[in-house]
N, C-alpha and C. Protein backbone atom coordinates (compact mmCIF):
# COMPACT_ATOMS: atom_id res chain seq x y z
N MET A 1 -8.61 0.55 -29.35
CA MET A 1 -7.62 0.80 -28.33
C MET A 1 -6.91 2.12 -28.65
N THR A 2 -6.63 2.88 -27.63
CA THR A 2 -6.00 4.18 -27.82
C THR A 2 -4.49 4.09 -27.59
N GLU A 3 -3.79 5.12 -28.03
CA GLU A 3 -2.35 5.20 -27.78
C GLU A 3 -2.07 5.15 -26.29
N HIS A 4 -2.87 5.87 -25.52
CA HIS A 4 -2.69 5.92 -24.07
C HIS A 4 -2.89 4.53 -23.44
N GLU A 5 -3.89 3.79 -23.88
CA GLU A 5 -4.13 2.45 -23.34
C GLU A 5 -2.95 1.52 -23.62
N ILE A 6 -2.41 1.60 -24.82
CA ILE A 6 -1.26 0.79 -25.17
C ILE A 6 -0.07 1.15 -24.28
N GLN A 7 0.19 2.43 -24.16
CA GLN A 7 1.30 2.91 -23.32
C GLN A 7 1.13 2.43 -21.89
N THR A 8 -0.05 2.58 -21.34
CA THR A 8 -0.31 2.20 -19.95
C THR A 8 -0.11 0.71 -19.73
N ARG A 9 -0.57 -0.12 -20.64
CA ARG A 9 -0.41 -1.57 -20.50
C ARG A 9 1.06 -1.98 -20.52
N ILE A 10 1.82 -1.38 -21.43
CA ILE A 10 3.23 -1.73 -21.53
C ILE A 10 3.98 -1.26 -20.29
N GLU A 11 3.72 -0.04 -19.86
CA GLU A 11 4.38 0.49 -18.66
C GLU A 11 4.05 -0.33 -17.42
N ALA A 12 2.85 -0.87 -17.34
CA ALA A 12 2.46 -1.68 -16.19
C ALA A 12 3.14 -3.05 -16.21
N SER A 13 3.51 -3.52 -17.39
CA SER A 13 4.08 -4.85 -17.53
C SER A 13 5.60 -4.87 -17.52
N ILE A 14 6.22 -3.83 -18.09
CA ILE A 14 7.69 -3.78 -18.19
C ILE A 14 8.17 -2.63 -17.29
N GLU A 15 8.61 -2.99 -16.12
CA GLU A 15 8.97 -2.01 -15.09
C GLU A 15 10.05 -1.05 -15.56
N GLY A 16 9.82 0.24 -15.29
CA GLY A 16 10.82 1.27 -15.55
C GLY A 16 11.04 1.61 -17.01
N CYS A 17 10.14 1.19 -17.88
CA CYS A 17 10.34 1.46 -19.31
C CYS A 17 9.84 2.84 -19.70
N ARG A 18 10.32 3.31 -20.84
CA ARG A 18 9.81 4.52 -21.47
C ARG A 18 9.12 4.09 -22.75
N VAL A 19 7.91 4.58 -22.97
CA VAL A 19 7.10 4.13 -24.10
C VAL A 19 6.60 5.32 -24.89
N ALA A 20 6.70 5.23 -26.21
CA ALA A 20 6.09 6.21 -27.12
C ALA A 20 5.23 5.44 -28.11
N VAL A 21 4.00 5.90 -28.28
CA VAL A 21 3.05 5.22 -29.17
C VAL A 21 2.50 6.22 -30.17
N ARG A 22 2.39 5.78 -31.43
CA ARG A 22 1.82 6.64 -32.46
C ARG A 22 0.85 5.82 -33.30
N ASP A 23 -0.36 6.32 -33.45
CA ASP A 23 -1.36 5.72 -34.34
C ASP A 23 -1.06 6.27 -35.73
N TYR A 24 -0.44 5.46 -36.60
CA TYR A 24 0.05 6.01 -37.86
C TYR A 24 -0.97 6.06 -38.99
N THR A 25 -2.19 5.58 -38.76
CA THR A 25 -3.24 5.74 -39.77
C THR A 25 -4.40 6.58 -39.28
N GLY A 26 -4.47 6.76 -37.96
CA GLY A 26 -5.59 7.50 -37.38
C GLY A 26 -6.84 6.66 -37.19
N GLY A 27 -6.75 5.37 -37.52
CA GLY A 27 -7.92 4.50 -37.42
C GLY A 27 -8.02 3.72 -36.13
N GLY A 28 -7.02 3.85 -35.25
CA GLY A 28 -7.06 3.17 -33.96
C GLY A 28 -6.69 1.70 -34.02
N ASP A 29 -6.06 1.24 -35.10
CA ASP A 29 -5.69 -0.17 -35.16
C ASP A 29 -4.31 -0.43 -35.78
N HIS A 30 -3.60 0.63 -36.16
CA HIS A 30 -2.24 0.53 -36.70
C HIS A 30 -1.33 1.44 -35.86
N PHE A 31 -0.37 0.83 -35.16
CA PHE A 31 0.44 1.60 -34.23
C PHE A 31 1.93 1.35 -34.41
N GLU A 32 2.71 2.38 -34.15
CA GLU A 32 4.16 2.28 -33.99
C GLU A 32 4.43 2.46 -32.51
N VAL A 33 5.21 1.56 -31.95
CA VAL A 33 5.51 1.61 -30.52
C VAL A 33 7.02 1.51 -30.32
N ARG A 34 7.53 2.41 -29.52
CA ARG A 34 8.96 2.44 -29.17
C ARG A 34 9.04 2.24 -27.66
N VAL A 35 9.79 1.22 -27.26
CA VAL A 35 9.94 0.91 -25.84
C VAL A 35 11.42 0.86 -25.51
N VAL A 36 11.83 1.60 -24.49
CA VAL A 36 13.21 1.60 -24.02
C VAL A 36 13.20 1.08 -22.58
N SER A 37 13.97 0.02 -22.34
CA SER A 37 13.96 -0.58 -21.00
C SER A 37 15.24 -1.33 -20.70
N ASN A 38 15.67 -1.27 -19.45
CA ASN A 38 16.78 -2.10 -18.98
C ASN A 38 16.41 -3.58 -19.03
N ALA A 39 15.11 -3.88 -18.98
CA ALA A 39 14.65 -5.27 -19.01
C ALA A 39 15.01 -5.97 -20.31
N PHE A 40 15.36 -5.22 -21.34
CA PHE A 40 15.73 -5.80 -22.63
C PHE A 40 17.20 -6.22 -22.70
N GLU A 41 17.99 -5.83 -21.70
CA GLU A 41 19.42 -6.19 -21.69
C GLU A 41 19.58 -7.70 -21.80
N GLY A 42 20.42 -8.14 -22.73
CA GLY A 42 20.72 -9.56 -22.88
C GLY A 42 19.62 -10.38 -23.53
N ARG A 43 18.57 -9.74 -24.00
CA ARG A 43 17.46 -10.46 -24.63
C ARG A 43 17.49 -10.25 -26.15
N SER A 44 17.07 -11.27 -26.87
CA SER A 44 17.01 -11.17 -28.33
C SER A 44 15.83 -10.28 -28.73
N LEU A 45 15.83 -9.89 -29.99
CA LEU A 45 14.74 -9.08 -30.51
C LEU A 45 13.40 -9.81 -30.36
N VAL A 46 13.38 -11.10 -30.64
CA VAL A 46 12.16 -11.89 -30.51
C VAL A 46 11.68 -11.89 -29.06
N GLU A 47 12.59 -12.08 -28.11
CA GLU A 47 12.21 -12.07 -26.70
C GLU A 47 11.65 -10.71 -26.29
N ARG A 48 12.26 -9.65 -26.76
CA ARG A 48 11.78 -8.30 -26.44
C ARG A 48 10.37 -8.09 -26.97
N HIS A 49 10.15 -8.49 -28.21
CA HIS A 49 8.82 -8.33 -28.81
C HIS A 49 7.79 -9.18 -28.08
N LYS A 50 8.16 -10.37 -27.67
CA LYS A 50 7.24 -11.21 -26.90
C LYS A 50 6.83 -10.54 -25.60
N MET A 51 7.76 -9.82 -24.98
CA MET A 51 7.44 -9.10 -23.74
C MET A 51 6.37 -8.05 -24.00
N VAL A 52 6.51 -7.32 -25.11
CA VAL A 52 5.52 -6.29 -25.44
C VAL A 52 4.18 -6.92 -25.80
N TYR A 53 4.21 -7.98 -26.59
CA TYR A 53 2.97 -8.68 -26.95
C TYR A 53 2.27 -9.21 -25.71
N ALA A 54 3.03 -9.73 -24.76
CA ALA A 54 2.45 -10.24 -23.51
C ALA A 54 1.76 -9.11 -22.75
N ALA A 55 2.37 -7.93 -22.77
CA ALA A 55 1.77 -6.78 -22.08
C ALA A 55 0.44 -6.39 -22.70
N LEU A 56 0.31 -6.56 -24.01
CA LEU A 56 -0.91 -6.15 -24.70
C LEU A 56 -1.97 -7.25 -24.75
N GLY A 57 -1.56 -8.47 -24.49
CA GLY A 57 -2.50 -9.58 -24.40
C GLY A 57 -3.36 -9.75 -25.64
N ALA A 58 -4.65 -9.95 -25.43
CA ALA A 58 -5.59 -10.24 -26.51
C ALA A 58 -5.79 -9.08 -27.47
N ALA A 59 -5.31 -7.90 -27.12
CA ALA A 59 -5.47 -6.74 -28.01
C ALA A 59 -4.72 -6.91 -29.32
N VAL A 60 -3.71 -7.79 -29.34
CA VAL A 60 -2.94 -8.01 -30.56
C VAL A 60 -3.48 -9.24 -31.31
N ASP A 61 -4.79 -9.31 -31.36
CA ASP A 61 -5.47 -10.45 -31.99
C ASP A 61 -5.72 -10.25 -33.48
N GLY A 62 -5.32 -9.11 -34.02
CA GLY A 62 -5.57 -8.83 -35.42
C GLY A 62 -6.86 -8.08 -35.66
N HIS A 63 -7.69 -7.99 -34.65
CA HIS A 63 -8.95 -7.24 -34.76
C HIS A 63 -8.84 -5.91 -34.02
N THR A 64 -8.41 -5.96 -32.77
CA THR A 64 -8.26 -4.74 -32.00
C THR A 64 -7.06 -3.94 -32.51
N ILE A 65 -5.91 -4.59 -32.53
CA ILE A 65 -4.71 -3.99 -33.12
C ILE A 65 -4.39 -4.82 -34.36
N HIS A 66 -4.51 -4.21 -35.50
CA HIS A 66 -4.27 -4.91 -36.77
C HIS A 66 -2.79 -4.94 -37.13
N ALA A 67 -2.07 -3.85 -36.87
CA ALA A 67 -0.65 -3.78 -37.19
C ALA A 67 0.10 -3.11 -36.04
N LEU A 68 1.25 -3.68 -35.70
CA LEU A 68 2.04 -3.17 -34.59
C LEU A 68 3.52 -3.18 -35.00
N ALA A 69 4.07 -2.00 -35.22
CA ALA A 69 5.48 -1.86 -35.56
C ALA A 69 6.23 -1.56 -34.27
N LEU A 70 7.13 -2.45 -33.87
CA LEU A 70 7.82 -2.32 -32.60
C LEU A 70 9.28 -1.94 -32.78
N LYS A 71 9.73 -1.08 -31.90
CA LYS A 71 11.16 -0.77 -31.76
C LYS A 71 11.44 -0.95 -30.28
N THR A 72 12.25 -1.93 -29.94
CA THR A 72 12.55 -2.25 -28.55
C THR A 72 14.05 -2.08 -28.32
N LEU A 73 14.40 -1.18 -27.41
CA LEU A 73 15.79 -0.80 -27.20
C LEU A 73 16.16 -0.84 -25.73
N THR A 74 17.45 -1.05 -25.48
CA THR A 74 17.98 -0.84 -24.15
C THR A 74 18.34 0.64 -24.05
N PRO A 75 18.52 1.17 -22.85
CA PRO A 75 18.92 2.59 -22.74
C PRO A 75 20.22 2.89 -23.50
N ALA A 76 21.15 1.95 -23.54
CA ALA A 76 22.40 2.17 -24.26
C ALA A 76 22.20 2.25 -25.76
N GLN A 77 21.17 1.61 -26.27
CA GLN A 77 20.87 1.62 -27.70
C GLN A 77 20.02 2.82 -28.12
N ASP A 78 19.47 3.53 -27.15
CA ASP A 78 18.56 4.64 -27.43
C ASP A 78 19.36 5.89 -27.79
N THR A 79 19.45 6.19 -29.05
CA THR A 79 20.21 7.36 -29.52
C THR A 79 19.45 8.66 -29.34
N THR A 80 18.16 8.60 -28.96
CA THR A 80 17.39 9.81 -28.75
C THR A 80 17.53 10.34 -27.34
N ALA A 81 18.13 9.54 -26.44
CA ALA A 81 18.27 9.97 -25.03
C ALA A 81 19.32 11.06 -24.92
N ASN A 82 19.13 11.91 -23.95
CA ASN A 82 20.11 12.99 -23.71
C ASN A 82 21.22 12.52 -22.83
């Protein structure tokens, strides 16, 4: 799975989100993903991560994506925004 595929799946599932994906080993199976969305308002960290996992479906089976480091933020929590 590519960075672009991960980004596209998350954007299709979580409306209006901003997504940044980085393959941190270069092997196509270890990724860091940052998602900023209003949909995370009032949701726990576990609920937010479940939303991202749902967007990726079977890809997070441990074979396609072996490691996934998630950062899920609301726009108010996003300190990188201008």
